[in-house]
Amino acid sequence: MINFQYYNPAKVVFGVGSEKEIGRLLKEEKASSLLMVYSGEFVKELGIFDTVKNACAENGIAFYENGNVVPNPQIELVREMIRMGKEKKVDFLLAVGGGSAV
């Protein structure tokens, strides 16, 4: 057995209407740029996309998105998002949807 420690300071906000908390969360975290990752058009159809994008605009936060998440994503997709995050200096990652996005 290998000894190790695991630390994951991720906040998970879950439930109907949770997207309405995004403005408060962005302020709490002092975010300056957000990358929203999701899969499926349901994020736009349910208005979640617009709610998040508008909250960013209202708070002067740069908004970036990648809606190409698929089940069991290949490592290249993950690397692409890492590159984007570094390039855009993203300091807030928002995963919307199920396990693949998270």
PDB file of N, CA and C in Angstrom:
ATOM      1  N   MET A   1       0.851  -1.185   0.000  1.00  0.00           N
ATOM      2  CA  MET A   1       0.000   0.000   0.000  1.00  0.00           C
ATOM      3  C   MET A   1       0.894   1.244   0.000  1.00  0.00           C
ATOM      4  N   ILE A   2       0.481   2.257  -0.730  1.00  0.00           N
ATOM      5  CA  ILE A   2       1.202   3.521  -0.806  1.00  0.00           C
ATOM      6  C   ILE A   2       0.545   4.510   0.146  1.00  0.00           C
ATOM      7  N   ASN A   3       1.367   5.195   0.920  1.00  0.00           N
ATOM      8  CA  ASN A   3       0.846   6.253   1.792  1.00  0.00           C
ATOM      9  C   ASN A   3       0.636   7.512   0.970  1.00  0.00           C
ATOM     10  N   PHE A   4      -0.444   8.218   1.239  1.00  0.00           N
ATOM     11  CA  PHE A   4      -0.687   9.480   0.546  1.00  0.00           C
ATOM     12  C   PHE A   4      -1.678  10.320   1.331  1.00  0.00           C
ATOM     13  N   GLN A   5      -1.721  11.584   0.967  1.00  0.00           N
ATOM     14  CA  GLN A   5      -2.717  12.509   1.501  1.00  0.00           C
ATOM     15  C   GLN A   5      -3.480  13.075   0.321  1.00  0.00           C
ATOM     16  N   TYR A   6      -4.743  13.351   0.543  1.00  0.00           N
ATOM     17  CA  TYR A   6      -5.583  13.912  -0.514  1.00  0.00           C
ATOM     18  C   TYR A   6      -6.296  15.133   0.041  1.00  0.00           C
ATOM     19  N   TYR A   7      -6.195  16.232  -0.668  1.00  0.00           N
ATOM     20  CA  TYR A   7      -6.862  17.469  -0.267  1.00  0.00           C
ATOM     21  C   TYR A   7      -7.581  18.014  -1.483  1.00  0.00           C
ATOM     22  N   ASN A   8      -8.870  18.281  -1.352  1.00  0.00           N
ATOM     23  CA  ASN A   8      -9.658  18.768  -2.479  1.00  0.00           C
ATOM     24  C   ASN A   8     -10.579  19.884  -1.996  1.00  0.00           C
ATOM     25  N   PRO A   9     -10.134  21.114  -2.126  1.00  0.00           N
ATOM     26  CA  PRO A   9     -10.936  22.230  -1.605  1.00  0.00           C
ATOM     27  C   PRO A   9     -12.036  22.685  -2.567  1.00  0.00           C
ATOM     28  N   ALA A  10     -12.817  21.748  -3.066  1.00  0.00           N
ATOM     29  CA  ALA A  10     -13.882  22.085  -4.016  1.00  0.00           C
ATOM     30  C   ALA A  10     -15.205  22.278  -3.287  1.00  0.00           C
ATOM     31  N   LYS A  11     -15.933  23.270  -3.712  1.00  0.00           N
ATOM     32  CA  LYS A  11     -17.271  23.508  -3.173  1.00  0.00           C
ATOM     33  C   LYS A  11     -18.275  22.970  -4.179  1.00  0.00           C
ATOM     34  N   VAL A  12     -19.220  22.181  -3.703  1.00  0.00           N
ATOM     35  CA  VAL A  12     -20.270  21.642  -4.559  1.00  0.00           C
ATOM     36  C   VAL A  12     -21.588  22.264  -4.128  1.00  0.00           C
ATOM     37  N   VAL A  13     -22.235  22.945  -5.064  1.00  0.00           N
ATOM     38  CA  VAL A  13     -23.548  23.550  -4.813  1.00  0.00           C
ATOM     39  C   VAL A  13     -24.523  22.787  -5.686  1.00  0.00           C
ATOM     40  N   PHE A  14     -25.528  22.201  -5.070  1.00  0.00           N
ATOM     41  CA  PHE A  14     -26.405  21.285  -5.787  1.00  0.00           C
ATOM     42  C   PHE A  14     -27.858  21.588  -5.481  1.00  0.00           C
ATOM     43  N   GLY A  15     -28.703  21.493  -6.489  1.00  0.00           N
ATOM     44  CA  GLY A  15     -30.136  21.595  -6.272  1.00  0.00           C
ATOM     45  C   GLY A  15     -30.818  22.517  -7.270  1.00  0.00           C
ATOM     46  N   VAL A  16     -32.130  22.424  -7.290  1.00  0.00           N
ATOM     47  CA  VAL A  16     -32.941  23.247  -8.185  1.00  0.00           C
ATOM     48  C   VAL A  16     -32.703  24.719  -7.859  1.00  0.00           C
ATOM     49  N   GLY A  17     -32.406  25.506  -8.879  1.00  0.00           N
ATOM     50  CA  GLY A  17     -32.209  26.942  -8.694  1.00  0.00           C
ATOM     51  C   GLY A  17     -30.842  27.329  -8.163  1.00  0.00           C
ATOM     52  N   SER A  18     -29.930  26.378  -8.037  1.00  0.00           N
ATOM     53  CA  SER A  18     -28.597  26.672  -7.501  1.00  0.00           C
ATOM     54  C   SER A  18     -27.847  27.707  -8.326  1.00  0.00           C
ATOM     55  N   GLU A  19     -28.160  27.774  -9.622  1.00  0.00           N
ATOM     56  CA  GLU A  19     -27.450  28.729 -10.482  1.00  0.00           C
ATOM     57  C   GLU A  19     -27.684  30.171 -10.052  1.00  0.00           C
ATOM     58  N   LYS A  20     -28.760  30.408  -9.322  1.00  0.00           N
ATOM     59  CA  LYS A  20     -29.057  31.770  -8.871  1.00  0.00           C
ATOM     60  C   LYS A  20     -28.087  32.238  -7.789  1.00  0.00           C
ATOM     61  N   GLU A  21     -27.309  31.319  -7.234  1.00  0.00           N
ATOM     62  CA  GLU A  21     -26.318  31.645  -6.204  1.00  0.00           C
ATOM     63  C   GLU A  21     -24.980  32.076  -6.800  1.00  0.00           C
ATOM     64  N   ILE A  22     -24.839  31.992  -8.110  1.00  0.00           N
ATOM     65  CA  ILE A  22     -23.530  32.198  -8.718  1.00  0.00           C
ATOM     66  C   ILE A  22     -22.968  33.597  -8.469  1.00  0.00           C
ATOM     67  N   GLY A  23     -23.806  34.618  -8.506  1.00  0.00           N
ATOM     68  CA  GLY A  23     -23.312  35.973  -8.252  1.00  0.00           C
ATOM     69  C   GLY A  23     -22.692  36.097  -6.873  1.00  0.00           C
ATOM     70  N   ARG A  24     -23.363  35.557  -5.880  1.00  0.00           N
ATOM     71  CA  ARG A  24     -22.857  35.586  -4.500  1.00  0.00           C
ATOM     72  C   ARG A  24     -21.556  34.790  -4.391  1.00  0.00           C
ATOM     73  N   LEU A  25     -21.526  33.621  -5.009  1.00  0.00           N
ATOM     74  CA  LEU A  25     -20.328  32.786  -4.951  1.00  0.00           C
ATOM     75  C   LEU A  25     -19.134  33.465  -5.615  1.00  0.00           C
ATOM     76  N   LEU A  26     -19.371  34.120  -6.741  1.00  0.00           N
ATOM     77  CA  LEU A  26     -18.288  34.816  -7.430  1.00  0.00           C
ATOM     78  C   LEU A  26     -17.710  35.928  -6.562  1.00  0.00           C
ATOM     79  N   LYS A  27     -18.585  36.643  -5.867  1.00  0.00           N
ATOM     80  CA  LYS A  27     -18.122  37.701  -4.966  1.00  0.00           C
ATOM     81  C   LYS A  27     -17.346  37.117  -3.795  1.00  0.00           C
ATOM     82  N   GLU A  28     -17.867  36.053  -3.195  1.00  0.00           N
ATOM     83  CA  GLU A  28     -17.194  35.401  -2.065  1.00  0.00           C
ATOM     84  C   GLU A  28     -15.778  34.972  -2.435  1.00  0.00           C
ATOM     85  N   GLU A  29     -15.636  34.441  -3.621  1.00  0.00           N
ATOM     86  CA  GLU A  29     -14.341  33.917  -4.063  1.00  0.00           C
ATOM     87  C   GLU A  29     -13.466  34.980  -4.725  1.00  0.00           C
ATOM     88  N   LYS A  30     -13.986  36.197  -4.841  1.00  0.00           N
ATOM     89  CA  LYS A  30     -13.245  37.296  -5.475  1.00  0.00           C
ATOM     90  C   LYS A  30     -12.762  36.902  -6.881  1.00  0.00           C
ATOM     91  N   ALA A  31     -13.664  36.288  -7.625  1.00  0.00           N
ATOM     92  CA  ALA A  31     -13.338  35.810  -8.972  1.00  0.00           C
ATOM     93  C   ALA A  31     -13.166  36.968  -9.943  1.00  0.00           C
ATOM     94  N   SER A  32     -12.246  36.794 -10.886  1.00  0.00           N
ATOM     95  CA  SER A  32     -12.078  37.787 -11.946  1.00  0.00           C
ATOM     96  C   SER A  32     -12.370  37.183 -13.320  1.00  0.00           C
ATOM     97  N   SER A  33     -12.322  35.855 -13.411  1.00  0.00           N
ATOM     98  CA  SER A  33     -12.656  35.181 -14.669  1.00  0.00           C
ATOM     99  C   SER A  33     -13.197  33.787 -14.364  1.00  0.00           C
ATOM    100  N   LEU A  34     -14.164  33.367 -15.164  1.00  0.00           N
ATOM    101  CA  LEU A  34     -14.856  32.101 -14.932  1.00  0.00           C
ATOM    102  C   LEU A  34     -14.834  31.255 -16.192  1.00  0.00           C
ATOM    103  N   LEU A  35     -14.564  29.974 -16.018  1.00  0.00           N
ATOM    104  CA  LEU A  35     -14.694  29.002 -17.104  1.00  0.00           C
ATOM    105  C   LEU A  35     -15.817  28.057 -16.714  1.00  0.00           C
ATOM    106  N   MET A  36     -16.869  28.043 -17.529  1.00  0.00           N
ATOM    107  CA  MET A  36     -17.995  27.149 -17.292  1.00  0.00           C
ATOM    108  C   MET A  36     -17.876  25.964 -18.237  1.00  0.00           C
ATOM    109  N   VAL A  37     -17.832  24.759 -17.664  1.00  0.00           N
ATOM    110  CA  VAL A  37     -17.793  23.543 -18.471  1.00  0.00           C
ATOM    111  C   VAL A  37     -19.099  22.797 -18.274  1.00  0.00           C
ATOM    112  N   TYR A  38     -19.613  22.269 -19.364  1.00  0.00           N
ATOM    113  CA  TYR A  38     -20.905  21.586 -19.317  1.00  0.00           C
ATOM    114  C   TYR A  38     -21.037  20.669 -20.518  1.00  0.00           C
ATOM    115  N   SER A  39     -22.054  19.832 -20.471  1.00  0.00           N
ATOM    116  CA  SER A  39     -22.349  18.971 -21.616  1.00  0.00           C
ATOM    117  C   SER A  39     -23.840  19.044 -21.896  1.00  0.00           C
ATOM    118  N   GLY A  40     -24.160  19.186 -23.135  1.00  0.00           N
ATOM    119  CA  GLY A  40     -25.567  19.180 -23.523  1.00  0.00           C
ATOM    120  C   GLY A  40     -26.198  20.553 -23.583  1.00  0.00           C
ATOM    121  N   GLU A  41     -27.139  20.667 -24.466  1.00  0.00           N
ATOM    122  CA  GLU A  41     -27.852  21.929 -24.675  1.00  0.00           C
ATOM    123  C   GLU A  41     -28.836  22.245 -23.557  1.00  0.00           C
ATOM    124  N   PHE A  42     -29.092  21.283 -22.667  1.00  0.00           N
ATOM    125  CA  PHE A  42     -30.039  21.531 -21.579  1.00  0.00           C
ATOM    126  C   PHE A  42     -29.605  22.707 -20.718  1.00  0.00           C
ATOM    127  N   VAL A  43     -28.300  22.951 -20.648  1.00  0.00           N
ATOM    128  CA  VAL A  43     -27.785  24.067 -19.853  1.00  0.00           C
ATOM    129  C   VAL A  43     -28.299  25.389 -20.416  1.00  0.00           C
ATOM    130  N   LYS A  44     -28.379  25.482 -21.725  1.00  0.00           N
ATOM    131  CA  LYS A  44     -28.914  26.687 -22.363  1.00  0.00           C
ATOM    132  C   LYS A  44     -30.438  26.681 -22.339  1.00  0.00           C
ATOM    133  N   GLU A  45     -31.035  25.523 -22.599  1.00  0.00           N
ATOM    134  CA  GLU A  45     -32.496  25.422 -22.622  1.00  0.00           C
ATOM    135  C   GLU A  45     -33.128  25.762 -21.271  1.00  0.00           C
ATOM    136  N   LEU A  46     -32.459  25.416 -20.182  1.00  0.00           N
ATOM    137  CA  LEU A  46     -32.984  25.692 -18.839  1.00  0.00           C
ATOM    138  C   LEU A  46     -32.656  27.104 -18.349  1.00  0.00           C
ATOM    139  N   GLY A  47     -31.887  27.858 -19.145  1.00  0.00           N
ATOM    140  CA  GLY A  47     -31.550  29.227 -18.768  1.00  0.00           C
ATOM    141  C   GLY A  47     -30.346  29.340 -17.853  1.00  0.00           C
ATOM    142  N   ILE A  48     -29.715  28.225 -17.541  1.00  0.00           N
ATOM    143  CA  ILE A  48     -28.556  28.242 -16.641  1.00  0.00           C
ATOM    144  C   ILE A  48     -27.403  29.008 -17.278  1.00  0.00           C
ATOM    145  N   PHE A  49     -27.168  28.769 -18.556  1.00  0.00           N
ATOM    146  CA  PHE A  49     -26.086  29.437 -19.277  1.00  0.00           C
ATOM    147  C   PHE A  49     -26.240  30.952 -19.183  1.00  0.00           C
ATOM    148  N   ASP A  50     -27.425  31.460 -19.513  1.00  0.00           N
ATOM    149  CA  ASP A  50     -27.663  32.908 -19.485  1.00  0.00           C
ATOM    150  C   ASP A  50     -27.556  33.471 -18.075  1.00  0.00           C
ATOM    151  N   THR A  51     -28.045  32.737 -17.089  1.00  0.00           N
ATOM    152  CA  THR A  51     -27.970  33.204 -15.703  1.00  0.00           C
ATOM    153  C   THR A  51     -26.518  33.396 -15.284  1.00  0.00           C
ATOM    154  N   VAL A  52     -25.679  32.422 -15.597  1.00  0.00           N
ATOM    155  CA  VAL A  52     -24.263  32.497 -15.230  1.00  0.00           C
ATOM    156  C   VAL A  52     -23.565  33.600 -16.015  1.00  0.00           C
ATOM    157  N   LYS A  53     -23.803  33.651 -17.318  1.00  0.00           N
ATOM    158  CA  LYS A  53     -23.162  34.674 -18.156  1.00  0.00           C
ATOM    159  C   LYS A  53     -23.561  36.079 -17.700  1.00  0.00           C
ATOM    160  N   ASN A  54     -24.830  36.279 -17.391  1.00  0.00           N
ATOM    161  CA  ASN A  54     -25.300  37.587 -16.923  1.00  0.00           C
ATOM    162  C   ASN A  54     -24.706  37.948 -15.570  1.00  0.00           C
ATOM    163  N   ALA A  55     -24.591  36.975 -14.672  1.00  0.00           N
ATOM    164  CA  ALA A  55     -23.984  37.236 -13.360  1.00  0.00           C
ATOM    165  C   ALA A  55     -22.535  37.673 -13.524  1.00  0.00           C
ATOM    166  N   CYS A  56     -21.839  37.060 -14.465  1.00  0.00           N
ATOM    167  CA  CYS A  56     -20.458  37.461 -14.733  1.00  0.00           C
ATOM    168  C   CYS A  56     -20.411  38.896 -15.253  1.00  0.00           C
ATOM    169  N   ALA A  57     -21.272  39.216 -16.206  1.00  0.00           N
ATOM    170  CA  ALA A  57     -21.305  40.568 -16.771  1.00  0.00           C
ATOM    171  C   ALA A  57     -21.622  41.602 -15.693  1.00  0.00           C
ATOM    172  N   GLU A  58     -22.577  41.302 -14.836  1.00  0.00           N
ATOM    173  CA  GLU A  58     -22.977  42.232 -13.775  1.00  0.00           C
ATOM    174  C   GLU A  58     -21.865  42.470 -12.763  1.00  0.00           C
ATOM    175  N   ASN A  59     -20.966  41.500 -12.616  1.00  0.00           N
ATOM    176  CA  ASN A  59     -19.895  41.604 -11.628  1.00  0.00           C
ATOM    177  C   ASN A  59     -18.532  41.885 -12.250  1.00  0.00           C
ATOM    178  N   GLY A  60     -18.509  42.203 -13.549  1.00  0.00           N
ATOM    179  CA  GLY A  60     -17.252  42.534 -14.217  1.00  0.00           C
ATOM    180  C   GLY A  60     -16.290  41.360 -14.313  1.00  0.00           C
ATOM    181  N   ILE A  61     -16.829  40.164 -14.487  1.00  0.00           N
ATOM    182  CA  ILE A  61     -16.019  38.952 -14.521  1.00  0.00           C
ATOM    183  C   ILE A  61     -15.982  38.410 -15.948  1.00  0.00           C
ATOM    184  N   ALA A  62     -14.784  38.125 -16.428  1.00  0.00           N
ATOM    185  CA  ALA A  62     -14.636  37.546 -17.766  1.00  0.00           C
ATOM    186  C   ALA A  62     -15.281  36.162 -17.778  1.00  0.00           C
ATOM    187  N   PHE A  63     -16.005  35.862 -18.855  1.00  0.00           N
ATOM    188  CA  PHE A  63     -16.741  34.603 -18.971  1.00  0.00           C
ATOM    189  C   PHE A  63     -16.218  33.789 -20.145  1.00  0.00           C
ATOM    190  N   TYR A  64     -15.853  32.550 -19.883  1.00  0.00           N
ATOM    191  CA  TYR A  64     -15.423  31.616 -20.917  1.00  0.00           C
ATOM    192  C   TYR A  64     -16.215  30.329 -20.730  1.00  0.00           C
ATOM    193  N   GLU A  65     -16.394  29.587 -21.812  1.00  0.00           N
ATOM    194  CA  GLU A  65     -17.194  28.365 -21.711  1.00  0.00           C
ATOM    195  C   GLU A  65     -16.675  27.277 -22.623  1.00  0.00           C
ATOM    196  N   ASN A  66     -16.953  26.050 -22.220  1.00  0.00           N
ATOM    197  CA  ASN A  66     -16.701  24.897 -23.063  1.00  0.00           C
ATOM    198  C   ASN A  66     -17.848  23.929 -22.836  1.00  0.00           C
ATOM    199  N   GLY A  67     -18.695  23.790 -23.834  1.00  0.00           N
ATOM    200  CA  GLY A  67     -19.850  22.912 -23.745  1.00  0.00           C
ATOM    201  C   GLY A  67     -19.646  21.593 -24.458  1.00  0.00           C
ATOM    202  N   ASN A  68     -18.397  21.243 -24.689  1.00  0.00           N
ATOM    203  CA  ASN A  68     -18.085  20.026 -25.443  1.00  0.00           C
ATOM    204  C   ASN A  68     -17.768  18.823 -24.568  1.00  0.00           C
ATOM    205  N   VAL A  69     -18.135  18.872 -23.307  1.00  0.00           N
ATOM    206  CA  VAL A  69     -17.837  17.765 -22.411  1.00  0.00           C
ATOM    207  C   VAL A  69     -18.677  16.552 -22.809  1.00  0.00           C
ATOM    208  N   VAL A  70     -18.035  15.414 -22.842  1.00  0.00           N
ATOM    209  CA  VAL A  70     -18.705  14.158 -23.197  1.00  0.00           C
ATOM    210  C   VAL A  70     -18.467  13.146 -22.078  1.00  0.00           C
ATOM    211  N   PRO A  71     -19.291  12.103 -22.001  1.00  0.00           N
ATOM    212  CA  PRO A  71     -19.040  11.067 -20.995  1.00  0.00           C
ATOM    213  C   PRO A  71     -17.639  10.475 -21.164  1.00  0.00           C
ATOM    214  N   ASN A  72     -16.972  10.263 -20.058  1.00  0.00           N
ATOM    215  CA  ASN A  72     -15.613   9.704 -20.069  1.00  0.00           C
ATOM    216  C   ASN A  72     -14.718  10.443 -21.064  1.00  0.00           C
ATOM    217  N   PRO A  73     -14.530  11.748 -20.863  1.00  0.00           N
ATOM    218  CA  PRO A  73     -13.776  12.550 -21.835  1.00  0.00           C
ATOM    219  C   PRO A  73     -12.339  12.059 -22.000  1.00  0.00           C
ATOM    220  N   GLN A  74     -11.853  12.198 -23.218  1.00  0.00           N
ATOM    221  CA  GLN A  74     -10.463  11.857 -23.511  1.00  0.00           C
ATOM    222  C   GLN A  74      -9.554  12.907 -22.872  1.00  0.00           C
ATOM    223  N   ILE A  75      -8.322  12.517 -22.599  1.00  0.00           N
ATOM    224  CA  ILE A  75      -7.374  13.399 -21.918  1.00  0.00           C
ATOM    225  C   ILE A  75      -7.126  14.681 -22.715  1.00  0.00           C
ATOM    226  N   GLU A  76      -7.224  14.628 -24.038  1.00  0.00           N
ATOM    227  CA  GLU A  76      -6.971  15.826 -24.844  1.00  0.00           C
ATOM    228  C   GLU A  76      -7.988  16.923 -24.548  1.00  0.00           C
ATOM    229  N   LEU A  77      -9.236  16.562 -24.291  1.00  0.00           N
ATOM    230  CA  LEU A  77     -10.243  17.557 -23.924  1.00  0.00           C
ATOM    231  C   LEU A  77      -9.878  18.214 -22.595  1.00  0.00           C
ATOM    232  N   VAL A  78      -9.425  17.415 -21.660  1.00  0.00           N
ATOM    233  CA  VAL A  78      -9.004  17.948 -20.361  1.00  0.00           C
ATOM    234  C   VAL A  78      -7.819  18.889 -20.546  1.00  0.00           C
ATOM    235  N   ARG A  79      -6.860  18.481 -21.346  1.00  0.00           N
ATOM    236  CA  ARG A  79      -5.683  19.329 -21.599  1.00  0.00           C
ATOM    237  C   ARG A  79      -6.071  20.630 -22.297  1.00  0.00           C
ATOM    238  N   GLU A  80      -7.027  20.544 -23.207  1.00  0.00           N
ATOM    239  CA  GLU A  80      -7.512  21.744 -23.901  1.00  0.00           C
ATOM    240  C   GLU A  80      -8.090  22.747 -22.895  1.00  0.00           C
ATOM    241  N   MET A  81      -8.861  22.251 -21.946  1.00  0.00           N
ATOM    242  CA  MET A  81      -9.450  23.145 -20.942  1.00  0.00           C
ATOM    243  C   MET A  81      -8.390  23.708 -20.002  1.00  0.00           C
ATOM    244  N   ILE A  82      -7.383  22.911 -19.685  1.00  0.00           N
ATOM    245  CA  ILE A  82      -6.278  23.405 -18.860  1.00  0.00           C
ATOM    246  C   ILE A  82      -5.554  24.523 -19.595  1.00  0.00           C
ATOM    247  N   ARG A  83      -5.278  24.311 -20.888  1.00  0.00           N
ATOM    248  CA  ARG A  83      -4.615  25.358 -21.694  1.00  0.00           C
ATOM    249  C   ARG A  83      -5.447  26.638 -21.700  1.00  0.00           C
ATOM    250  N   MET A  84      -6.747  26.495 -21.928  1.00  0.00           N
ATOM    251  CA  MET A  84      -7.619  27.665 -21.949  1.00  0.00           C
ATOM    252  C   MET A  84      -7.595  28.373 -20.597  1.00  0.00           C
ATOM    253  N   GLY A  85      -7.679  27.601 -19.535  1.00  0.00           N
ATOM    254  CA  GLY A  85      -7.671  28.186 -18.201  1.00  0.00           C
ATOM    255  C   GLY A  85      -6.410  28.984 -17.924  1.00  0.00           C
ATOM    256  N   LYS A  86      -5.273  28.438 -18.314  1.00  0.00           N
ATOM    257  CA  LYS A  86      -3.999  29.138 -18.114  1.00  0.00           C
ATOM    258  C   LYS A  86      -3.914  30.380 -18.991  1.00  0.00           C
ATOM    259  N   GLU A  87      -4.284  30.223 -20.259  1.00  0.00           N
ATOM    260  CA  GLU A  87      -4.213  31.332 -21.217  1.00  0.00           C
ATOM    261  C   GLU A  87      -5.093  32.504 -20.788  1.00  0.00           C
ATOM    262  N   LYS A  88      -6.291  32.206 -20.324  1.00  0.00           N
ATOM    263  CA  LYS A  88      -7.252  33.246 -19.946  1.00  0.00           C
ATOM    264  C   LYS A  88      -7.139  33.656 -18.479  1.00  0.00           C
ATOM    265  N   LYS A  89      -6.215  33.005 -17.751  1.00  0.00           N
ATOM    266  CA  LYS A  89      -6.019  33.289 -16.322  1.00  0.00           C
ATOM    267  C   LYS A  89      -7.315  33.093 -15.526  1.00  0.00           C
ATOM    268  N   VAL A  90      -7.972  31.981 -15.799  1.00  0.00           N
ATOM    269  CA  VAL A  90      -9.227  31.643 -15.128  1.00  0.00           C
ATOM    270  C   VAL A  90      -8.956  31.352 -13.657  1.00  0.00           C
ATOM    271  N   ASP A  91      -9.757  31.961 -12.789  1.00  0.00           N
ATOM    272  CA  ASP A  91      -9.604  31.689 -11.364  1.00  0.00           C
ATOM    273  C   ASP A  91     -10.875  31.123 -10.722  1.00  0.00           C
ATOM    274  N   PHE A  92     -11.878  30.803 -11.545  1.00  0.00           N
ATOM    275  CA  PHE A  92     -13.110  30.195 -11.043  1.00  0.00           C
ATOM    276  C   PHE A  92     -13.599  29.207 -12.093  1.00  0.00           C
ATOM    277  N   LEU A  93     -13.681  27.949 -11.716  1.00  0.00           N
ATOM    278  CA  LEU A  93     -14.163  26.902 -12.614  1.00  0.00           C
ATOM    279  C   LEU A  93     -15.547  26.475 -12.160  1.00  0.00           C
ATOM    280  N   LEU A  94     -16.501  26.531 -13.074  1.00  0.00           N
ATOM    281  CA  LEU A  94     -17.873  26.133 -12.780  1.00  0.00           C
ATOM    282  C   LEU A  94     -18.235  24.960 -13.678  1.00  0.00           C
ATOM    283  N   ALA A  95     -18.472  23.799 -13.074  1.00  0.00           N
ATOM    284  CA  ALA A  95     -18.895  22.610 -13.809  1.00  0.00           C
ATOM    285  C   ALA A  95     -20.396  22.466 -13.625  1.00  0.00           C
ATOM    286  N   VAL A  96     -21.128  22.439 -14.732  1.00  0.00           N
ATOM    287  CA  VAL A  96     -22.589  22.356 -14.681  1.00  0.00           C
ATOM    288  C   VAL A  96     -23.023  21.047 -15.315  1.00  0.00           C
ATOM    289  N   GLY A  97     -23.837  20.312 -14.608  1.00  0.00           N
ATOM    290  CA  GLY A  97     -24.376  19.081 -15.170  1.00  0.00           C
ATOM    291  C   GLY A  97     -24.043  17.883 -14.320  1.00  0.00           C
ATOM    292  N   GLY A  98     -23.848  16.770 -14.987  1.00  0.00           N
ATOM    293  CA  GLY A  98     -23.610  15.522 -14.293  1.00  0.00           C
ATOM    294  C   GLY A  98     -22.140  15.228 -14.089  1.00  0.00           C
ATOM    295  N   GLY A  99     -21.854  13.962 -13.868  1.00  0.00           N
ATOM    296  CA  GLY A  99     -20.512  13.524 -13.529  1.00  0.00           C
ATOM    297  C   GLY A  99     -19.457  13.826 -14.567  1.00  0.00           C
ATOM    298  N   SER A 100     -19.792  13.787 -15.839  1.00  0.00           N
ATOM    299  CA  SER A 100     -18.788  14.040 -16.875  1.00  0.00           C
ATOM    300  C   SER A 100     -18.254  15.459 -16.800  1.00  0.00           C
ATOM    301  N   ALA A 101     -19.120  16.415 -16.585  1.00  0.00           N
ATOM    302  CA  ALA A 101     -18.680  17.812 -16.477  1.00  0.00           C
ATOM    303  C   ALA A 101     -17.912  18.035 -15.183  1.00  0.00           C
ATOM    304  N   VAL A 102     -18.399  17.436 -14.118  1.00  0.00           N
ATOM    305  CA  VAL A 102     -17.753  17.611 -12.812  1.00  0.00           C
ATOM    306  C   VAL A 102     -16.430  16.877 -12.809  1.00  0.00           C
TER     307      VAL A 102
END
